[in-house]
Amino acid sequence: MGKKTEYRQVKINLLPEEYERISEQAEADGVTKAEWIRRRIGTKIEDKDLRSPQKRLPQKQADPKLLYEINRIGININKMTTWANKFRTLDRQILSSLVGIEAKLQAILDDC
């Protein structure tokens, strides 16, 4: 086996417009921002040297109302589980609420 490559990290601060420009250009080239910067300064890390290659997934904007509703559902589930753990029981009311939450989540997913 060959010698393990040691990497060093450089952190820089960018203006929002600089960061956006790098992000756009890296996405257009189909590479990560780090790879795009490496190419610009004339260095390259071979695929075999990468410790954990990452595939970039397209980012989607989430509807704030949807996030709010999902958060409310999570709060309700947390309250029910706290109650169930405290009293060591799962009564019909909690079970009914969980079934209702499941139905609401399925409706949200069906709308997406």
N, C-alpha and C. Protein backbone atom coordinates (compact mmCIF):
# COMPACT_ATOMS: atom_id res chain seq x y z
N MET A 1 0.83 -1.20 0.00
CA MET A 1 0.00 0.00 0.00
C MET A 1 0.86 1.25 0.00
N GLY A 2 0.39 2.28 -0.67
CA GLY A 2 1.14 3.53 -0.75
C GLY A 2 0.94 4.38 0.49
N LYS A 3 1.72 5.41 0.55
CA LYS A 3 1.63 6.33 1.69
C LYS A 3 0.31 7.10 1.63
N LYS A 4 -0.33 7.24 2.78
CA LYS A 4 -1.59 7.98 2.85
C LYS A 4 -1.32 9.48 2.71
N THR A 5 -2.09 10.13 1.87
CA THR A 5 -1.94 11.56 1.66
C THR A 5 -2.54 12.32 2.82
N GLU A 6 -1.79 13.28 3.33
CA GLU A 6 -2.31 14.14 4.38
C GLU A 6 -2.80 15.43 3.74
N TYR A 7 -3.99 15.83 4.08
CA TYR A 7 -4.58 17.04 3.52
C TYR A 7 -4.53 18.17 4.54
N ARG A 8 -4.46 19.36 4.04
CA ARG A 8 -4.53 20.55 4.87
C ARG A 8 -5.75 21.34 4.41
N GLN A 9 -6.37 22.02 5.33
CA GLN A 9 -7.58 22.76 5.02
C GLN A 9 -7.30 24.25 5.05
N VAL A 10 -7.86 24.95 4.09
CA VAL A 10 -7.76 26.40 4.03
C VAL A 10 -9.18 26.95 4.11
N LYS A 11 -9.39 27.89 5.01
CA LYS A 11 -10.70 28.52 5.14
C LYS A 11 -10.58 29.97 4.69
N ILE A 12 -11.53 30.39 3.88
CA ILE A 12 -11.54 31.78 3.42
C ILE A 12 -12.94 32.35 3.57
N ASN A 13 -13.01 33.65 3.69
CA ASN A 13 -14.30 34.34 3.74
C ASN A 13 -14.53 34.98 2.39
N LEU A 14 -15.73 34.84 1.90
CA LEU A 14 -16.10 35.40 0.61
C LEU A 14 -17.29 36.33 0.78
N LEU A 15 -17.36 37.30 -0.09
CA LEU A 15 -18.56 38.12 -0.16
C LEU A 15 -19.67 37.26 -0.75
N PRO A 16 -20.92 37.55 -0.44
CA PRO A 16 -22.02 36.73 -0.97
C PRO A 16 -21.98 36.61 -2.50
N GLU A 17 -21.65 37.69 -3.18
CA GLU A 17 -21.62 37.62 -4.65
C GLU A 17 -20.45 36.76 -5.15
N GLU A 18 -19.34 36.74 -4.42
CA GLU A 18 -18.21 35.88 -4.80
C GLU A 18 -18.58 34.41 -4.61
N TYR A 19 -19.20 34.12 -3.48
CA TYR A 19 -19.62 32.76 -3.18
C TYR A 19 -20.62 32.27 -4.23
N GLU A 20 -21.57 33.13 -4.58
CA GLU A 20 -22.58 32.77 -5.57
C GLU A 20 -21.94 32.50 -6.93
N ARG A 21 -20.96 33.33 -7.30
CA ARG A 21 -20.28 33.15 -8.59
C ARG A 21 -19.55 31.81 -8.63
N ILE A 22 -18.83 31.49 -7.56
CA ILE A 22 -18.13 30.20 -7.50
C ILE A 22 -19.13 29.05 -7.56
N SER A 23 -20.21 29.18 -6.81
CA SER A 23 -21.23 28.12 -6.79
C SER A 23 -21.82 27.90 -8.17
N GLU A 24 -22.16 28.98 -8.85
CA GLU A 24 -22.75 28.87 -10.19
C GLU A 24 -21.77 28.25 -11.18
N GLN A 25 -20.51 28.69 -11.14
CA GLN A 25 -19.53 28.17 -12.08
C GLN A 25 -19.20 26.71 -11.81
N ALA A 26 -19.13 26.33 -10.54
CA ALA A 26 -18.88 24.94 -10.20
C ALA A 26 -20.04 24.05 -10.65
N GLU A 27 -21.25 24.52 -10.43
CA GLU A 27 -22.43 23.75 -10.85
C GLU A 27 -22.46 23.61 -12.37
N ALA A 28 -22.13 24.69 -13.07
CA ALA A 28 -22.11 24.65 -14.53
C ALA A 28 -21.07 23.65 -15.04
N ASP A 29 -19.95 23.52 -14.33
CA ASP A 29 -18.90 22.57 -14.72
C ASP A 29 -19.17 21.17 -14.20
N GLY A 30 -20.19 21.03 -13.35
CA GLY A 30 -20.55 19.71 -12.82
C GLY A 30 -19.59 19.20 -11.76
N VAL A 31 -18.97 20.11 -11.01
CA VAL A 31 -18.03 19.72 -9.96
C VAL A 31 -18.40 20.43 -8.66
N THR A 32 -17.78 20.00 -7.59
CA THR A 32 -17.99 20.68 -6.31
C THR A 32 -17.26 22.01 -6.33
N LYS A 33 -17.61 22.87 -5.39
CA LYS A 33 -16.92 24.17 -5.28
C LYS A 33 -15.44 23.95 -5.01
N ALA A 34 -15.12 22.99 -4.14
CA ALA A 34 -13.71 22.72 -3.81
C ALA A 34 -12.94 22.29 -5.05
N GLU A 35 -13.52 21.39 -5.84
CA GLU A 35 -12.85 20.93 -7.06
C GLU A 35 -12.69 22.07 -8.05
N TRP A 36 -13.71 22.92 -8.16
CA TRP A 36 -13.62 24.06 -9.08
C TRP A 36 -12.47 24.97 -8.67
N ILE A 37 -12.33 25.24 -7.37
CA ILE A 37 -11.25 26.10 -6.88
C ILE A 37 -9.90 25.44 -7.13
N ARG A 38 -9.81 24.11 -6.87
CA ARG A 38 -8.55 23.41 -7.13
C ARG A 38 -8.13 23.56 -8.59
N ARG A 39 -9.09 23.42 -9.48
CA ARG A 39 -8.77 23.56 -10.90
C ARG A 39 -8.29 24.98 -11.23
N ARG A 40 -8.90 25.96 -10.60
CA ARG A 40 -8.52 27.36 -10.86
C ARG A 40 -7.10 27.66 -10.40
N ILE A 41 -6.66 27.01 -9.31
CA ILE A 41 -5.30 27.29 -8.83
C ILE A 41 -4.29 26.28 -9.37
N GLY A 42 -4.75 25.36 -10.21
CA GLY A 42 -3.84 24.45 -10.89
C GLY A 42 -3.46 23.21 -10.12
N THR A 43 -4.29 22.80 -9.15
CA THR A 43 -4.03 21.55 -8.44
C THR A 43 -5.19 20.61 -8.68
N LYS A 44 -4.94 19.36 -8.41
CA LYS A 44 -5.99 18.38 -8.63
C LYS A 44 -5.79 17.22 -7.67
N ILE A 45 -6.86 16.73 -7.11
CA ILE A 45 -6.80 15.53 -6.28
C ILE A 45 -7.32 14.38 -7.12
N GLU A 46 -6.53 13.35 -7.23
CA GLU A 46 -6.95 12.18 -8.00
C GLU A 46 -8.10 11.49 -7.29
N ASP A 47 -8.98 10.85 -8.05
CA ASP A 47 -10.13 10.16 -7.47
C ASP A 47 -9.70 9.17 -6.39
N LYS A 48 -8.57 8.49 -6.59
CA LYS A 48 -8.12 7.49 -5.62
C LYS A 48 -7.71 8.14 -4.30
N ASP A 49 -7.41 9.44 -4.32
CA ASP A 49 -6.99 10.14 -3.12
C ASP A 49 -8.16 10.69 -2.31
N LEU A 50 -9.34 10.73 -2.89
CA LEU A 50 -10.48 11.29 -2.18
C LEU A 50 -10.87 10.39 -1.01
N ARG A 51 -11.06 10.99 0.13
CA ARG A 51 -11.41 10.22 1.32
C ARG A 51 -12.87 9.82 1.28
N SER A 52 -13.74 10.71 0.89
CA SER A 52 -15.17 10.40 0.83
C SER A 52 -15.81 11.22 -0.28
N PRO A 53 -15.82 10.69 -1.49
CA PRO A 53 -16.42 11.45 -2.58
C PRO A 53 -17.88 11.72 -2.31
N GLN A 54 -18.31 12.91 -2.65
CA GLN A 54 -19.70 13.30 -2.39
C GLN A 54 -20.38 13.62 -3.70
N LYS A 55 -21.57 13.10 -3.85
CA LYS A 55 -22.38 13.45 -5.00
C LYS A 55 -23.26 14.61 -4.59
N ARG A 56 -23.29 15.63 -5.40
CA ARG A 56 -24.09 16.80 -5.10
C ARG A 56 -25.50 16.59 -5.62
N LEU A 57 -26.48 16.71 -4.75
CA LEU A 57 -27.87 16.61 -5.14
C LEU A 57 -28.41 18.00 -5.40
N PRO A 58 -29.28 18.12 -6.38
CA PRO A 58 -29.86 19.44 -6.62
C PRO A 58 -30.67 19.88 -5.40
N GLN A 59 -30.53 21.14 -5.06
CA GLN A 59 -31.25 21.67 -3.91
C GLN A 59 -32.58 22.26 -4.36
N LYS A 60 -33.60 21.96 -3.59
CA LYS A 60 -34.92 22.50 -3.88
C LYS A 60 -35.32 23.41 -2.74
N GLN A 61 -36.05 24.45 -3.08
CA GLN A 61 -36.56 25.35 -2.06
C GLN A 61 -37.84 24.74 -1.48
N ALA A 62 -37.94 24.73 -0.17
CA ALA A 62 -39.12 24.19 0.48
C ALA A 62 -40.10 25.31 0.77
N ASP A 63 -41.36 24.98 0.67
CA ASP A 63 -42.42 25.94 0.96
C ASP A 63 -42.43 26.21 2.47
N PRO A 64 -42.28 27.47 2.88
CA PRO A 64 -42.26 27.78 4.32
C PRO A 64 -43.50 27.30 5.06
N LYS A 65 -44.67 27.35 4.41
CA LYS A 65 -45.89 26.86 5.06
C LYS A 65 -45.80 25.36 5.31
N LEU A 66 -45.23 24.64 4.36
CA LEU A 66 -45.07 23.20 4.51
C LEU A 66 -44.12 22.90 5.67
N LEU A 67 -43.02 23.61 5.74
CA LEU A 67 -42.07 23.41 6.84
C LEU A 67 -42.72 23.70 8.19
N TYR A 68 -43.53 24.75 8.23
CA TYR A 68 -44.23 25.10 9.47
C TYR A 68 -45.15 23.97 9.90
N GLU A 69 -45.91 23.43 8.96
CA GLU A 69 -46.85 22.36 9.29
C GLU A 69 -46.12 21.08 9.72
N ILE A 70 -45.04 20.77 9.04
CA ILE A 70 -44.27 19.58 9.42
C ILE A 70 -43.69 19.77 10.83
N ASN A 71 -43.23 20.98 11.12
CA ASN A 71 -42.72 21.27 12.46
C ASN A 71 -43.81 21.08 13.51
N ARG A 72 -45.01 21.56 13.23
CA ARG A 72 -46.12 21.39 14.18
C ARG A 72 -46.43 19.91 14.41
N ILE A 73 -46.38 19.13 13.35
CA ILE A 73 -46.61 17.69 13.48
C ILE A 73 -45.55 17.08 14.38
N GLY A 74 -44.30 17.47 14.17
CA GLY A 74 -43.21 16.95 14.99
C GLY A 74 -43.39 17.31 16.45
N ILE A 75 -43.84 18.53 16.72
CA ILE A 75 -44.09 18.96 18.10
C ILE A 75 -45.18 18.11 18.73
N ASN A 76 -46.25 17.85 17.98
CA ASN A 76 -47.35 17.03 18.51
C ASN A 76 -46.89 15.60 18.78
N ILE A 77 -46.09 15.04 17.88
CA ILE A 77 -45.58 13.68 18.10
C ILE A 77 -44.71 13.65 19.35
N ASN A 78 -43.88 14.66 19.51
CA ASN A 78 -43.02 14.73 20.69
C ASN A 78 -43.84 14.79 21.97
N LYS A 79 -44.90 15.58 21.97
CA LYS A 79 -45.76 15.67 23.15
C LYS A 79 -46.40 14.32 23.47
N MET A 80 -46.85 13.63 22.43
CA MET A 80 -47.50 12.33 22.65
C MET A 80 -46.52 11.29 23.16
N THR A 81 -45.33 11.28 22.60
CA THR A 81 -44.35 10.29 23.06
C THR A 81 -43.90 10.59 24.48
N THR A 82 -43.78 11.87 24.83
CA THR A 82 -43.43 12.24 26.21
C THR A 82 -44.50 11.73 27.16
N TRP A 83 -45.76 11.94 26.82
CA TRP A 83 -46.87 11.48 27.66
C TRP A 83 -46.87 9.96 27.76
N ALA A 84 -46.71 9.29 26.62
CA ALA A 84 -46.73 7.82 26.62
C ALA A 84 -45.57 7.26 27.45
N ASN A 85 -44.39 7.88 27.35
CA ASN A 85 -43.25 7.42 28.15
C ASN A 85 -43.46 7.68 29.63
N LYS A 86 -44.08 8.80 29.96
CA LYS A 86 -44.31 9.15 31.36
C LYS A 86 -45.27 8.16 32.02
N PHE A 87 -46.36 7.83 31.32
CA PHE A 87 -47.37 6.96 31.89
C PHE A 87 -47.24 5.51 31.44
N ARG A 88 -46.24 5.23 30.62
CA ARG A 88 -45.97 3.87 30.13
C ARG A 88 -47.20 3.21 29.52
N THR A 89 -47.93 3.99 28.75
CA THR A 89 -49.13 3.45 28.11
C THR A 89 -49.38 4.18 26.80
N LEU A 90 -50.12 3.56 25.95
CA LEU A 90 -50.50 4.17 24.67
C LEU A 90 -52.01 3.99 24.55
N ASP A 91 -52.75 5.04 24.92
CA ASP A 91 -54.20 4.90 24.93
C ASP A 91 -54.78 5.15 23.53
N ARG A 92 -56.08 4.95 23.42
CA ARG A 92 -56.76 5.10 22.13
C ARG A 92 -56.63 6.51 21.57
N GLN A 93 -56.66 7.51 22.43
CA GLN A 93 -56.57 8.90 21.97
C GLN A 93 -55.22 9.15 21.28
N ILE A 94 -54.15 8.68 21.87
CA ILE A 94 -52.83 8.87 21.27
C ILE A 94 -52.73 8.07 19.97
N LEU A 95 -53.20 6.84 19.99
CA LEU A 95 -53.17 6.03 18.79
C LEU A 95 -53.98 6.67 17.68
N SER A 96 -55.13 7.21 18.01
CA SER A 96 -55.97 7.90 17.03
C SER A 96 -55.26 9.13 16.48
N SER A 97 -54.58 9.87 17.35
CA SER A 97 -53.84 11.05 16.91
C SER A 97 -52.72 10.67 15.97
N LEU A 98 -52.01 9.59 16.27
CA LEU A 98 -50.92 9.15 15.41
C LEU A 98 -51.42 8.73 14.03
N VAL A 99 -52.57 8.07 14.00
CA VAL A 99 -53.17 7.69 12.72
C VAL A 99 -53.55 8.94 11.93
N GLY A 100 -54.09 9.95 12.63
CA GLY A 100 -54.44 11.21 11.98
C GLY A 100 -53.22 11.92 11.42
N ILE A 101 -52.13 11.90 12.17
CA ILE A 101 -50.89 12.53 11.71
C ILE A 101 -50.37 11.81 10.48
N GLU A 102 -50.41 10.49 10.52
CA GLU A 102 -49.96 9.72 9.36
C GLU A 102 -50.76 10.09 8.12
N ALA A 103 -52.08 10.24 8.28
CA ALA A 103 -52.93 10.60 7.14
C ALA A 103 -52.59 11.98 6.61
N LYS A 104 -52.34 12.93 7.53
CA LYS A 104 -51.97 14.28 7.11
C LYS A 104 -50.64 14.30 6.38
N LEU A 105 -49.66 13.54 6.90
CA LEU A 105 -48.37 13.48 6.22
C LEU A 105 -48.50 12.86 4.84
N GLN A 106 -49.32 11.83 4.72
CA GLN A 106 -49.51 11.21 3.42
C GLN A 106 -50.16 12.20 2.45
N ALA A 107 -51.10 13.00 2.92
CA ALA A 107 -51.74 14.01 2.07
C ALA A 107 -50.72 15.05 1.62
N ILE A 108 -49.82 15.45 2.52
CA ILE A 108 -48.77 16.42 2.16
C ILE A 108 -47.87 15.81 1.09
N LEU A 109 -47.46 14.56 1.29
CA LEU A 109 -46.58 13.92 0.32
C LEU A 109 -47.27 13.74 -1.03
N ASP A 110 -48.56 13.48 -1.01
CA ASP A 110 -49.29 13.32 -2.26
C ASP A 110 -49.37 14.63 -3.04
N ASP A 111 -49.37 15.77 -2.33
CA ASP A 111 -49.43 17.08 -2.97
C ASP A 111 -48.09 17.52 -3.56
N CYS A 112 -47.00 16.90 -3.10
CA CYS A 112 -45.66 17.31 -3.58
C CYS A 112 -45.38 16.84 -4.97
